[in-house]
Amino acid sequence: MKRFYFTLILACSAAATLPAYAAMGNMPGMDNMGTVSGQATKAQTFMGQGKINSINPAANMVNVAMGPVKALGWPSMSMNFLLQNKAMLNGYKAGEMVKFSFAKDAAGGYVITRITPVRQ
């Protein structure tokens, strides 16, 4: 009888703690899943620096020739980025050097969340 109650207590403890542990996203081997219980995890922000090649206000997009992004294993390249809001590039023009923060969006693209000029 003691063994039954002990087993019951262990089962209830596991049932109560495992969902909470999984919701925190701390399950080993689940680092690259991107979702926990069907909800998006907090977006990781990356840093970049480069020269604005072109600005497309109609598409809310900018093309940047940037240096490598070590955190993502990216080499130097030119890349199109969406902007978090259209007003972010007011006053910027092609050829200008900038530093920027970006994150992956739900659609799998990358969105600039912050941009500042590089002071020379």
PDB file of N, CA and C in Angstrom:
ATOM      1  N   MET A   1       0.818  -1.184   0.000  1.00  0.00           N
ATOM      2  CA  MET A   1       0.000   0.000   0.000  1.00  0.00           C
ATOM      3  C   MET A   1       0.873   1.263   0.000  1.00  0.00           C
ATOM      4  N   LYS A   2       1.979   1.253   0.772  1.00  0.00           N
ATOM      5  CA  LYS A   2       2.877   2.403   0.798  1.00  0.00           C
ATOM      6  C   LYS A   2       3.469   2.649  -0.585  1.00  0.00           C
ATOM      7  N   ARG A   3       3.789   1.591  -1.285  1.00  0.00           N
ATOM      8  CA  ARG A   3       4.359   1.719  -2.620  1.00  0.00           C
ATOM      9  C   ARG A   3       3.351   2.380  -3.564  1.00  0.00           C
ATOM     10  N   PHE A   4       2.082   2.053  -3.455  1.00  0.00           N
ATOM     11  CA  PHE A   4       1.042   2.648  -4.275  1.00  0.00           C
ATOM     12  C   PHE A   4       0.972   4.163  -4.041  1.00  0.00           C
ATOM     13  N   TYR A   5       0.938   4.590  -2.769  1.00  0.00           N
ATOM     14  CA  TYR A   5       0.861   6.013  -2.457  1.00  0.00           C
ATOM     15  C   TYR A   5       2.120   6.754  -2.906  1.00  0.00           C
ATOM     16  N   PHE A   6       3.263   6.117  -2.731  1.00  0.00           N
ATOM     17  CA  PHE A   6       4.521   6.721  -3.181  1.00  0.00           C
ATOM     18  C   PHE A   6       4.505   6.932  -4.698  1.00  0.00           C
ATOM     19  N   THR A   7       4.055   5.929  -5.443  1.00  0.00           N
ATOM     20  CA  THR A   7       3.961   6.023  -6.901  1.00  0.00           C
ATOM     21  C   THR A   7       2.953   7.093  -7.308  1.00  0.00           C
ATOM     22  N   LEU A   8       1.853   7.176  -6.606  1.00  0.00           N
ATOM     23  CA  LEU A   8       0.837   8.179  -6.896  1.00  0.00           C
ATOM     24  C   LEU A   8       1.378   9.595  -6.664  1.00  0.00           C
ATOM     25  N   ILE A   9       2.108   9.782  -5.588  1.00  0.00           N
ATOM     26  CA  ILE A   9       2.698  11.088  -5.286  1.00  0.00           C
ATOM     27  C   ILE A   9       3.721  11.474  -6.356  1.00  0.00           C
ATOM     28  N   LEU A  10       4.561  10.550  -6.768  1.00  0.00           N
ATOM     29  CA  LEU A  10       5.543  10.826  -7.822  1.00  0.00           C
ATOM     30  C   LEU A  10       4.866  11.183  -9.136  1.00  0.00           C
ATOM     31  N   ALA A  11       3.820  10.452  -9.491  1.00  0.00           N
ATOM     32  CA  ALA A  11       3.109  10.721 -10.743  1.00  0.00           C
ATOM     33  C   ALA A  11       2.460  12.102 -10.709  1.00  0.00           C
ATOM     34  N   CYS A  12       1.856  12.461  -9.584  1.00  0.00           N
ATOM     35  CA  CYS A  12       1.228  13.782  -9.466  1.00  0.00           C
ATOM     36  C   CYS A  12       2.270  14.893  -9.514  1.00  0.00           C
ATOM     37  N   SER A  13       3.409  14.677  -8.886  1.00  0.00           N
ATOM     38  CA  SER A  13       4.478  15.676  -8.909  1.00  0.00           C
ATOM     39  C   SER A  13       4.976  15.898 -10.335  1.00  0.00           C
ATOM     40  N   ALA A  14       5.183  14.819 -11.057  1.00  0.00           N
ATOM     41  CA  ALA A  14       5.646  14.925 -12.441  1.00  0.00           C
ATOM     42  C   ALA A  14       4.603  15.618 -13.301  1.00  0.00           C
ATOM     43  N   ALA A  15       3.340  15.292 -13.107  1.00  0.00           N
ATOM     44  CA  ALA A  15       2.273  15.904 -13.896  1.00  0.00           C
ATOM     45  C   ALA A  15       2.170  17.401 -13.625  1.00  0.00           C
ATOM     46  N   ALA A  16       2.499  17.823 -12.429  1.00  0.00           N
ATOM     47  CA  ALA A  16       2.409  19.241 -12.070  1.00  0.00           C
ATOM     48  C   ALA A  16       3.638  20.035 -12.518  1.00  0.00           C
ATOM     49  N   THR A  17       4.812  19.422 -12.515  1.00  0.00           N
ATOM     50  CA  THR A  17       6.030  20.182 -12.811  1.00  0.00           C
ATOM     51  C   THR A  17       6.461  20.130 -14.268  1.00  0.00           C
ATOM     52  N   LEU A  18       6.222  19.066 -14.992  1.00  0.00           N
ATOM     53  CA  LEU A  18       6.697  18.963 -16.372  1.00  0.00           C
ATOM     54  C   LEU A  18       6.080  20.002 -17.296  1.00  0.00           C
ATOM     55  N   PRO A  19       4.759  20.266 -17.245  1.00  0.00           N
ATOM     56  CA  PRO A  19       4.232  21.321 -18.130  1.00  0.00           C
ATOM     57  C   PRO A  19       4.837  22.692 -17.831  1.00  0.00           C
ATOM     58  N   ALA A  20       5.067  23.002 -16.573  1.00  0.00           N
ATOM     59  CA  ALA A  20       5.674  24.285 -16.218  1.00  0.00           C
ATOM     60  C   ALA A  20       7.111  24.345 -16.736  1.00  0.00           C
ATOM     61  N   TYR A  21       7.836  23.264 -16.616  1.00  0.00           N
ATOM     62  CA  TYR A  21       9.210  23.207 -17.105  1.00  0.00           C
ATOM     63  C   TYR A  21       9.243  23.368 -18.625  1.00  0.00           C
ATOM     64  N   ALA A  22       8.328  22.713 -19.325  1.00  0.00           N
ATOM     65  CA  ALA A  22       8.266  22.808 -20.781  1.00  0.00           C
ATOM     66  C   ALA A  22       7.880  24.215 -21.220  1.00  0.00           C
ATOM     67  N   ALA A  23       6.976  24.853 -20.509  1.00  0.00           N
ATOM     68  CA  ALA A  23       6.542  26.201 -20.873  1.00  0.00           C
ATOM     69  C   ALA A  23       7.669  27.215 -20.727  1.00  0.00           C
ATOM     70  N   MET A  24       8.625  26.938 -19.867  1.00  0.00           N
ATOM     71  CA  MET A  24       9.760  27.841 -19.703  1.00  0.00           C
ATOM     72  C   MET A  24      10.763  27.678 -20.832  1.00  0.00           C
ATOM     73  N   GLY A  25      10.620  26.657 -21.657  1.00  0.00           N
ATOM     74  CA  GLY A  25      11.527  26.464 -22.777  1.00  0.00           C
ATOM     75  C   GLY A  25      12.871  25.908 -22.375  1.00  0.00           C
ATOM     76  N   ASN A  26      12.954  25.218 -21.252  1.00  0.00           N
ATOM     77  CA  ASN A  26      14.231  24.713 -20.764  1.00  0.00           C
ATOM     78  C   ASN A  26      14.436  23.236 -21.048  1.00  0.00           C
ATOM     79  N   MET A  27      13.693  22.677 -21.972  1.00  0.00           N
ATOM     80  CA  MET A  27      13.852  21.260 -22.244  1.00  0.00           C
ATOM     81  C   MET A  27      15.083  21.037 -23.114  1.00  0.00           C
ATOM     82  N   PRO A  28      15.985  20.165 -22.703  1.00  0.00           N
ATOM     83  CA  PRO A  28      17.191  19.903 -23.483  1.00  0.00           C
ATOM     84  C   PRO A  28      16.844  19.457 -24.902  1.00  0.00           C
ATOM     85  N   GLY A  29      17.614  19.936 -25.871  1.00  0.00           N
ATOM     86  CA  GLY A  29      17.402  19.543 -27.253  1.00  0.00           C
ATOM     87  C   GLY A  29      16.310  20.317 -27.964  1.00  0.00           C
ATOM     88  N   MET A  30      15.659  21.259 -27.297  1.00  0.00           N
ATOM     89  CA  MET A  30      14.564  22.005 -27.896  1.00  0.00           C
ATOM     90  C   MET A  30      14.977  23.439 -28.231  1.00  0.00           C
ATOM     91  N   ASP A  31      16.274  23.721 -28.234  1.00  0.00           N
ATOM     92  CA  ASP A  31      16.769  25.082 -28.445  1.00  0.00           C
ATOM     93  C   ASP A  31      16.344  25.684 -29.778  1.00  0.00           C
ATOM     94  N   ASN A  32      16.263  24.880 -30.823  1.00  0.00           N
ATOM     95  CA  ASN A  32      16.003  25.411 -32.156  1.00  0.00           C
ATOM     96  C   ASN A  32      14.549  25.311 -32.588  1.00  0.00           C
ATOM     97  N   MET A  33      13.673  24.982 -31.687  1.00  0.00           N
ATOM     98  CA  MET A  33      12.284  24.794 -32.060  1.00  0.00           C
ATOM     99  C   MET A  33      11.583  26.111 -32.385  1.00  0.00           C
ATOM    100  N   GLY A  34      11.868  27.192 -31.648  1.00  0.00           N
ATOM    101  CA  GLY A  34      11.268  28.479 -31.939  1.00  0.00           C
ATOM    102  C   GLY A  34       9.898  28.678 -31.333  1.00  0.00           C
ATOM    103  N   THR A  35       9.234  27.602 -30.930  1.00  0.00           N
ATOM    104  CA  THR A  35       7.942  27.745 -30.280  1.00  0.00           C
ATOM    105  C   THR A  35       7.886  26.853 -29.059  1.00  0.00           C
ATOM    106  N   VAL A  36       7.072  27.258 -28.117  1.00  0.00           N
ATOM    107  CA  VAL A  36       6.824  26.485 -26.912  1.00  0.00           C
ATOM    108  C   VAL A  36       5.319  26.473 -26.725  1.00  0.00           C
ATOM    109  N   SER A  37       4.716  25.309 -26.706  1.00  0.00           N
ATOM    110  CA  SER A  37       3.269  25.173 -26.545  1.00  0.00           C
ATOM    111  C   SER A  37       2.505  25.982 -27.591  1.00  0.00           C
ATOM    112  N   GLY A  38       3.030  26.055 -28.827  1.00  0.00           N
ATOM    113  CA  GLY A  38       2.339  26.740 -29.904  1.00  0.00           C
ATOM    114  C   GLY A  38       2.499  28.250 -29.911  1.00  0.00           C
ATOM    115  N   GLN A  39       3.230  28.821 -28.966  1.00  0.00           N
ATOM    116  CA  GLN A  39       3.423  30.261 -28.919  1.00  0.00           C
ATOM    117  C   GLN A  39       4.855  30.583 -29.314  1.00  0.00           C
ATOM    118  N   ALA A  40       5.040  31.710 -29.971  1.00  0.00           N
ATOM    119  CA  ALA A  40       6.385  32.121 -30.376  1.00  0.00           C
ATOM    120  C   ALA A  40       7.198  32.486 -29.149  1.00  0.00           C
ATOM    121  N   THR A  41       8.470  32.104 -29.157  1.00  0.00           N
ATOM    122  CA  THR A  41       9.359  32.487 -28.071  1.00  0.00           C
ATOM    123  C   THR A  41       9.833  33.920 -28.296  1.00  0.00           C
ATOM    124  N   LYS A  42      10.406  34.523 -27.274  1.00  0.00           N
ATOM    125  CA  LYS A  42      10.905  35.891 -27.374  1.00  0.00           C
ATOM    126  C   LYS A  42      11.974  35.942 -28.465  1.00  0.00           C
ATOM    127  N   ALA A  43      11.871  36.931 -29.333  1.00  0.00           N
ATOM    128  CA  ALA A  43      12.801  37.064 -30.448  1.00  0.00           C
ATOM    129  C   ALA A  43      14.183  37.460 -29.956  1.00  0.00           C
ATOM    130  N   GLN A  44      15.192  36.826 -30.531  1.00  0.00           N
ATOM    131  CA  GLN A  44      16.566  37.167 -30.214  1.00  0.00           C
ATOM    132  C   GLN A  44      16.991  38.306 -31.133  1.00  0.00           C
ATOM    133  N   THR A  45      17.671  39.278 -30.584  1.00  0.00           N
ATOM    134  CA  THR A  45      18.110  40.441 -31.353  1.00  0.00           C
ATOM    135  C   THR A  45      19.585  40.288 -31.715  1.00  0.00           C
ATOM    136  N   PHE A  46      19.919  40.680 -32.957  1.00  0.00           N
ATOM    137  CA  PHE A  46      21.278  40.606 -33.468  1.00  0.00           C
ATOM    138  C   PHE A  46      21.724  42.008 -33.858  1.00  0.00           C
ATOM    139  N   MET A  47      23.022  42.211 -33.931  1.00  0.00           N
ATOM    140  CA  MET A  47      23.597  43.514 -34.281  1.00  0.00           C
ATOM    141  C   MET A  47      24.273  43.426 -35.648  1.00  0.00           C
ATOM    142  N   GLY A  48      24.143  44.502 -36.413  1.00  0.00           N
ATOM    143  CA  GLY A  48      24.792  44.582 -37.708  1.00  0.00           C
ATOM    144  C   GLY A  48      25.332  45.979 -37.952  1.00  0.00           C
ATOM    145  N   GLN A  49      26.246  46.086 -38.901  1.00  0.00           N
ATOM    146  CA  GLN A  49      26.784  47.385 -39.288  1.00  0.00           C
ATOM    147  C   GLN A  49      27.079  47.320 -40.772  1.00  0.00           C
ATOM    148  N   GLY A  50      26.764  48.410 -41.474  1.00  0.00           N
ATOM    149  CA  GLY A  50      27.039  48.422 -42.900  1.00  0.00           C
ATOM    150  C   GLY A  50      26.612  49.698 -43.571  1.00  0.00           C
ATOM    151  N   LYS A  51      26.575  49.656 -44.911  1.00  0.00           N
ATOM    152  CA  LYS A  51      26.234  50.823 -45.732  1.00  0.00           C
ATOM    153  C   LYS A  51      24.877  50.586 -46.382  1.00  0.00           C
ATOM    154  N   ILE A  52      24.026  51.593 -46.315  1.00  0.00           N
ATOM    155  CA  ILE A  52      22.711  51.498 -46.967  1.00  0.00           C
ATOM    156  C   ILE A  52      22.925  51.542 -48.478  1.00  0.00           C
ATOM    157  N   ASN A  53      22.487  50.488 -49.171  1.00  0.00           N
ATOM    158  CA  ASN A  53      22.559  50.449 -50.637  1.00  0.00           C
ATOM    159  C   ASN A  53      21.357  51.144 -51.255  1.00  0.00           C
ATOM    160  N   SER A  54      20.169  50.816 -50.727  1.00  0.00           N
ATOM    161  CA  SER A  54      18.952  51.398 -51.280  1.00  0.00           C
ATOM    162  C   SER A  54      17.846  51.372 -50.228  1.00  0.00           C
ATOM    163  N   ILE A  55      16.879  52.273 -50.422  1.00  0.00           N
ATOM    164  CA  ILE A  55      15.728  52.369 -49.528  1.00  0.00           C
ATOM    165  C   ILE A  55      14.477  52.265 -50.388  1.00  0.00           C
ATOM    166  N   ASN A  56      13.546  51.401 -49.996  1.00  0.00           N
ATOM    167  CA  ASN A  56      12.281  51.240 -50.706  1.00  0.00           C
ATOM    168  C   ASN A  56      11.142  51.548 -49.736  1.00  0.00           C
ATOM    169  N   PRO A  57      10.730  52.832 -49.644  1.00  0.00           N
ATOM    170  CA  PRO A  57       9.693  53.199 -48.685  1.00  0.00           C
ATOM    171  C   PRO A  57       8.354  52.507 -48.954  1.00  0.00           C
ATOM    172  N   ALA A  58       8.029  52.255 -50.219  1.00  0.00           N
ATOM    173  CA  ALA A  58       6.751  51.614 -50.557  1.00  0.00           C
ATOM    174  C   ALA A  58       6.667  50.200 -49.990  1.00  0.00           C
ATOM    175  N   ALA A  59       7.787  49.491 -49.983  1.00  0.00           N
ATOM    176  CA  ALA A  59       7.818  48.122 -49.457  1.00  0.00           C
ATOM    177  C   ALA A  59       8.242  48.087 -47.996  1.00  0.00           C
ATOM    178  N   ASN A  60       8.538  49.268 -47.416  1.00  0.00           N
ATOM    179  CA  ASN A  60       9.022  49.355 -46.030  1.00  0.00           C
ATOM    180  C   ASN A  60      10.284  48.501 -45.863  1.00  0.00           C
ATOM    181  N   MET A  61      11.222  48.662 -46.824  1.00  0.00           N
ATOM    182  CA  MET A  61      12.403  47.806 -46.871  1.00  0.00           C
ATOM    183  C   MET A  61      13.655  48.620 -47.166  1.00  0.00           C
ATOM    184  N   VAL A  62      14.778  48.121 -46.658  1.00  0.00           N
ATOM    185  CA  VAL A  62      16.080  48.728 -46.911  1.00  0.00           C
ATOM    186  C   VAL A  62      17.055  47.605 -47.276  1.00  0.00           C
ATOM    187  N   ASN A  63      17.985  47.910 -48.196  1.00  0.00           N
ATOM    188  CA  ASN A  63      19.032  46.963 -48.542  1.00  0.00           C
ATOM    189  C   ASN A  63      20.333  47.492 -47.953  1.00  0.00           C
ATOM    190  N   VAL A  64      21.026  46.632 -47.189  1.00  0.00           N
ATOM    191  CA  VAL A  64      22.251  47.027 -46.503  1.00  0.00           C
ATOM    192  C   VAL A  64      23.387  46.089 -46.892  1.00  0.00           C
ATOM    193  N   ALA A  65      24.546  46.673 -47.272  1.00  0.00           N
ATOM    194  CA  ALA A  65      25.780  45.907 -47.461  1.00  0.00           C
ATOM    195  C   ALA A  65      26.439  45.880 -46.090  1.00  0.00           C
ATOM    196  N   MET A  66      26.413  44.723 -45.450  1.00  0.00           N
ATOM    197  CA  MET A  66      26.842  44.658 -44.055  1.00  0.00           C
ATOM    198  C   MET A  66      28.010  43.713 -43.852  1.00  0.00           C
ATOM    199  N   GLY A  67      28.668  43.912 -42.723  1.00  0.00           N
ATOM    200  CA  GLY A  67      29.753  43.034 -42.324  1.00  0.00           C
ATOM    201  C   GLY A  67      29.201  41.728 -41.774  1.00  0.00           C
ATOM    202  N   PRO A  68      30.079  40.826 -41.379  1.00  0.00           N
ATOM    203  CA  PRO A  68      29.638  39.522 -40.879  1.00  0.00           C
ATOM    204  C   PRO A  68      28.845  39.653 -39.573  1.00  0.00           C
ATOM    205  N   VAL A  69      27.936  38.701 -39.377  1.00  0.00           N
ATOM    206  CA  VAL A  69      27.174  38.595 -38.127  1.00  0.00           C
ATOM    207  C   VAL A  69      27.580  37.263 -37.503  1.00  0.00           C
ATOM    208  N   LYS A  70      28.520  37.315 -36.582  1.00  0.00           N
ATOM    209  CA  LYS A  70      29.094  36.101 -36.002  1.00  0.00           C
ATOM    210  C   LYS A  70      28.059  35.255 -35.287  1.00  0.00           C
ATOM    211  N   ALA A  71      27.097  35.894 -34.612  1.00  0.00           N
ATOM    212  CA  ALA A  71      26.085  35.155 -33.857  1.00  0.00           C
ATOM    213  C   ALA A  71      25.241  34.250 -34.750  1.00  0.00           C
ATOM    214  N   LEU A  72      25.112  34.601 -36.033  1.00  0.00           N
ATOM    215  CA  LEU A  72      24.336  33.792 -36.972  1.00  0.00           C
ATOM    216  C   LEU A  72      25.219  33.008 -37.942  1.00  0.00           C
ATOM    217  N   GLY A  73      26.527  33.231 -37.867  1.00  0.00           N
ATOM    218  CA  GLY A  73      27.442  32.555 -38.784  1.00  0.00           C
ATOM    219  C   GLY A  73      27.354  33.109 -40.201  1.00  0.00           C
ATOM    220  N   TRP A  74      26.939  34.360 -40.335  1.00  0.00           N
ATOM    221  CA  TRP A  74      26.803  34.980 -41.653  1.00  0.00           C
ATOM    222  C   TRP A  74      28.093  35.667 -42.066  1.00  0.00           C
ATOM    223  N   PRO A  75      28.486  35.536 -43.342  1.00  0.00           N
ATOM    224  CA  PRO A  75      29.626  36.308 -43.853  1.00  0.00           C
ATOM    225  C   PRO A  75      29.142  37.722 -44.216  1.00  0.00           C
ATOM    226  N   SER A  76      30.053  38.567 -44.665  1.00  0.00           N
ATOM    227  CA  SER A  76      29.666  39.883 -45.181  1.00  0.00           C
ATOM    228  C   SER A  76      28.764  39.678 -46.390  1.00  0.00           C
ATOM    229  N   MET A  77      27.721  40.506 -46.512  1.00  0.00           N
ATOM    230  CA  MET A  77      26.787  40.361 -47.631  1.00  0.00           C
ATOM    231  C   MET A  77      25.880  41.582 -47.719  1.00  0.00           C
ATOM    232  N   SER A  78      25.159  41.670 -48.818  1.00  0.00           N
ATOM    233  CA  SER A  78      24.092  42.658 -48.967  1.00  0.00           C
ATOM    234  C   SER A  78      22.780  41.931 -48.737  1.00  0.00           C
ATOM    235  N   MET A  79      21.879  42.586 -47.990  1.00  0.00           N
ATOM    236  CA  MET A  79      20.635  41.906 -47.626  1.00  0.00           C
ATOM    237  C   MET A  79      19.501  42.909 -47.493  1.00  0.00           C
ATOM    238  N   ASN A  80      18.298  42.488 -47.898  1.00  0.00           N
ATOM    239  CA  ASN A  80      17.101  43.292 -47.701  1.00  0.00           C
ATOM    240  C   ASN A  80      16.548  43.044 -46.311  1.00  0.00           C
ATOM    241  N   PHE A  81      16.172  44.101 -45.623  1.00  0.00           N
ATOM    242  CA  PHE A  81      15.555  44.028 -44.309  1.00  0.00           C
ATOM    243  C   PHE A  81      14.245  44.795 -44.328  1.00  0.00           C
ATOM    244  N   LEU A  82      13.239  44.245 -43.694  1.00  0.00           N
ATOM    245  CA  LEU A  82      12.022  45.000 -43.425  1.00  0.00           C
ATOM    246  C   LEU A  82      12.317  45.948 -42.274  1.00  0.00           C
ATOM    247  N   LEU A  83      11.513  46.990 -42.130  1.00  0.00           N
ATOM    248  CA  LEU A  83      11.670  47.945 -41.047  1.00  0.00           C
ATOM    249  C   LEU A  83      10.524  47.782 -40.058  1.00  0.00           C
ATOM    250  N   GLN A  84      10.832  47.932 -38.787  1.00  0.00           N
ATOM    251  CA  GLN A  84       9.804  47.813 -37.765  1.00  0.00           C
ATOM    252  C   GLN A  84       8.730  48.885 -37.966  1.00  0.00           C
ATOM    253  N   ASN A  85       9.139  50.085 -38.367  1.00  0.00           N
ATOM    254  CA  ASN A  85       8.180  51.124 -38.753  1.00  0.00           C
ATOM    255  C   ASN A  85       8.815  52.006 -39.817  1.00  0.00           C
ATOM    256  N   LYS A  86       7.963  52.607 -40.640  1.00  0.00           N
ATOM    257  CA  LYS A  86       8.444  53.376 -41.799  1.00  0.00           C
ATOM    258  C   LYS A  86       9.257  54.608 -41.420  1.00  0.00           C
ATOM    259  N   ALA A  87       8.997  55.178 -40.270  1.00  0.00           N
ATOM    260  CA  ALA A  87       9.679  56.403 -39.864  1.00  0.00           C
ATOM    261  C   ALA A  87      11.136  56.177 -39.477  1.00  0.00           C
ATOM    262  N   MET A  88      11.555  54.925 -39.344  1.00  0.00           N
ATOM    263  CA  MET A  88      12.922  54.616 -38.896  1.00  0.00           C
ATOM    264  C   MET A  88      13.988  55.200 -39.823  1.00  0.00           C
ATOM    265  N   LEU A  89      13.719  55.285 -41.112  1.00  0.00           N
ATOM    266  CA  LEU A  89      14.742  55.733 -42.061  1.00  0.00           C
ATOM    267  C   LEU A  89      14.581  57.184 -42.483  1.00  0.00           C
ATOM    268  N   ASN A  90      13.726  57.930 -41.801  1.00  0.00           N
ATOM    269  CA  ASN A  90      13.610  59.361 -42.101  1.00  0.00           C
ATOM    270  C   ASN A  90      14.968  60.017 -41.890  1.00  0.00           C
ATOM    271  N   GLY A  91      15.456  60.707 -42.904  1.00  0.00           N
ATOM    272  CA  GLY A  91      16.742  61.383 -42.814  1.00  0.00           C
ATOM    273  C   GLY A  91      17.918  60.538 -43.290  1.00  0.00           C
ATOM    274  N   TYR A  92      17.728  59.252 -43.500  1.00  0.00           N
ATOM    275  CA  TYR A  92      18.811  58.403 -44.012  1.00  0.00           C
ATOM    276  C   TYR A  92      18.757  58.380 -45.530  1.00  0.00           C
ATOM    277  N   LYS A  93      19.917  58.111 -46.148  1.00  0.00           N
ATOM    278  CA  LYS A  93      19.971  58.021 -47.604  1.00  0.00           C
ATOM    279  C   LYS A  93      20.959  56.931 -48.013  1.00  0.00           C
ATOM    280  N   ALA A  94      20.887  56.524 -49.261  1.00  0.00           N
ATOM    281  CA  ALA A  94      21.797  55.511 -49.792  1.00  0.00           C
ATOM    282  C   ALA A  94      23.238  55.995 -49.637  1.00  0.00           C
ATOM    283  N   GLY A  95      24.131  55.086 -49.276  1.00  0.00           N
ATOM    284  CA  GLY A  95      25.545  55.401 -49.092  1.00  0.00           C
ATOM    285  C   GLY A  95      25.909  55.706 -47.651  1.00  0.00           C
ATOM    286  N   GLU A  96      24.931  55.856 -46.793  1.00  0.00           N
ATOM    287  CA  GLU A  96      25.190  56.190 -45.393  1.00  0.00           C
ATOM    288  C   GLU A  96      25.548  54.944 -44.587  1.00  0.00           C
ATOM    289  N   MET A  97      26.533  55.078 -43.691  1.00  0.00           N
ATOM    290  CA  MET A  97      26.948  53.988 -42.806  1.00  0.00           C
ATOM    291  C   MET A  97      26.053  53.976 -41.566  1.00  0.00           C
ATOM    292  N   VAL A  98      25.587  52.774 -41.183  1.00  0.00           N
ATOM    293  CA  VAL A  98      24.671  52.645 -40.048  1.00  0.00           C
ATOM    294  C   VAL A  98      25.012  51.418 -39.204  1.00  0.00           C
ATOM    295  N   LYS A  99      24.600  51.484 -37.943  1.00  0.00           N
ATOM    296  CA  LYS A  99      24.579  50.326 -37.043  1.00  0.00           C
ATOM    297  C   LYS A  99      23.107  50.016 -36.829  1.00  0.00           C
ATOM    298  N   PHE A 100      22.768  48.733 -36.716  1.00  0.00           N
ATOM    299  CA  PHE A 100      21.362  48.394 -36.550  1.00  0.00           C
ATOM    300  C   PHE A 100      21.184  47.106 -35.756  1.00  0.00           C
ATOM    301  N   SER A 101      20.020  47.007 -35.131  1.00  0.00           N
ATOM    302  CA  SER A 101      19.611  45.792 -34.427  1.00  0.00           C
ATOM    303  C   SER A 101      18.511  45.163 -35.271  1.00  0.00           C
ATOM    304  N   PHE A 102      18.501  43.832 -35.343  1.00  0.00           N
ATOM    305  CA  PHE A 102      17.456  43.165 -36.107  1.00  0.00           C
ATOM    306  C   PHE A 102      17.084  41.846 -35.446  1.00  0.00           C
ATOM    307  N   ALA A 103      15.887  41.380 -35.782  1.00  0.00           N
ATOM    308  CA  ALA A 103      15.368  40.136 -35.213  1.00  0.00           C
ATOM    309  C   ALA A 103      14.599  39.389 -36.293  1.00  0.00           C
ATOM    310  N   LYS A 104      14.453  38.093 -36.120  1.00  0.00           N
ATOM    311  CA  LYS A 104      13.692  37.271 -37.058  1.00  0.00           C
ATOM    312  C   LYS A 104      12.210  37.447 -36.768  1.00  0.00           C
ATOM    313  N   ASP A 105      11.410  37.642 -37.823  1.00  0.00           N
ATOM    314  CA  ASP A 105       9.969  37.788 -37.629  1.00  0.00           C
ATOM    315  C   ASP A 105       9.271  36.441 -37.795  1.00  0.00           C
ATOM    316  N   ALA A 106       7.972  36.426 -37.577  1.00  0.00           N
ATOM    317  CA  ALA A 106       7.190  35.181 -37.626  1.00  0.00           C
ATOM    318  C   ALA A 106       7.214  34.541 -39.007  1.00  0.00           C
ATOM    319  N   ALA A 107       7.392  35.348 -40.058  1.00  0.00           N
ATOM    320  CA  ALA A 107       7.406  34.825 -41.424  1.00  0.00           C
ATOM    321  C   ALA A 107       8.777  34.289 -41.832  1.00  0.00           C
ATOM    322  N   GLY A 108       9.780  34.439 -40.967  1.00  0.00           N
ATOM    323  CA  GLY A 108      11.115  33.930 -41.263  1.00  0.00           C
ATOM    324  C   GLY A 108      12.058  34.967 -41.840  1.00  0.00           C
ATOM    325  N   GLY A 109      11.577  36.187 -42.078  1.00  0.00           N
ATOM    326  CA  GLY A 109      12.431  37.273 -42.561  1.00  0.00           C
ATOM    327  C   GLY A 109      13.082  37.980 -41.383  1.00  0.00           C
ATOM    328  N   TYR A 110      13.865  38.987 -41.687  1.00  0.00           N
ATOM    329  CA  TYR A 110      14.535  39.746 -40.634  1.00  0.00           C
ATOM    330  C   TYR A 110      14.068  41.199 -40.672  1.00  0.00           C
ATOM    331  N   VAL A 111      13.799  41.738 -39.495  1.00  0.00           N
ATOM    332  CA  VAL A 111      13.255  43.086 -39.347  1.00  0.00           C
ATOM    333  C   VAL A 111      14.222  43.947 -38.537  1.00  0.00           C
ATOM    334  N   ILE A 112      14.545  45.124 -39.059  1.00  0.00           N
ATOM    335  CA  ILE A 112      15.373  46.068 -38.314  1.00  0.00           C
ATOM    336  C   ILE A 112      14.499  46.689 -37.229  1.00  0.00           C
ATOM    337  N   THR A 113      14.981  46.580 -35.986  1.00  0.00           N
ATOM    338  CA  THR A 113      14.226  47.103 -34.844  1.00  0.00           C
ATOM    339  C   THR A 113      14.789  48.419 -34.339  1.00  0.00           C
ATOM    340  N   ARG A 114      16.040  48.728 -34.711  1.00  0.00           N
ATOM    341  CA  ARG A 114      16.687  49.969 -34.285  1.00  0.00           C
ATOM    342  C   ARG A 114      17.810  50.260 -35.263  1.00  0.00           C
ATOM    343  N   ILE A 115      17.981  51.557 -35.587  1.00  0.00           N
ATOM    344  CA  ILE A 115      19.051  51.931 -36.511  1.00  0.00           C
ATOM    345  C   ILE A 115      19.618  53.283 -36.083  1.00  0.00           C
ATOM    346  N   THR A 116      20.945  53.398 -36.150  1.00  0.00           N
ATOM    347  CA  THR A 116      21.623  54.644 -35.801  1.00  0.00           C
ATOM    348  C   THR A 116      22.763  54.888 -36.790  1.00  0.00           C
ATOM    349  N   PRO A 117      23.104  56.147 -37.047  1.00  0.00           N
ATOM    350  CA  PRO A 117      24.219  56.434 -37.953  1.00  0.00           C
ATOM    351  C   PRO A 117      25.550  56.102 -37.290  1.00  0.00           C
ATOM    352  N   VAL A 118      26.524  55.726 -38.098  1.00  0.00           N
ATOM    353  CA  VAL A 118      27.883  55.489 -37.616  1.00  0.00           C
ATOM    354  C   VAL A 118      28.595  56.835 -37.682  1.00  0.00           C
ATOM    355  N   ARG A 119      29.099  57.266 -36.534  1.00  0.00           N
ATOM    356  CA  ARG A 119      29.819  58.544 -36.462  1.00  0.00           C
ATOM    357  C   ARG A 119      31.264  58.318 -36.882  1.00  0.00           C
ATOM    358  N   GLN A 120      31.729  59.109 -37.830  1.00  0.00           N
ATOM    359  CA  GLN A 120      33.084  58.938 -38.327  1.00  0.00           C
ATOM    360  C   GLN A 120      33.967  60.078 -37.899  1.00  0.00           C
TER     361      GLN A 120
END
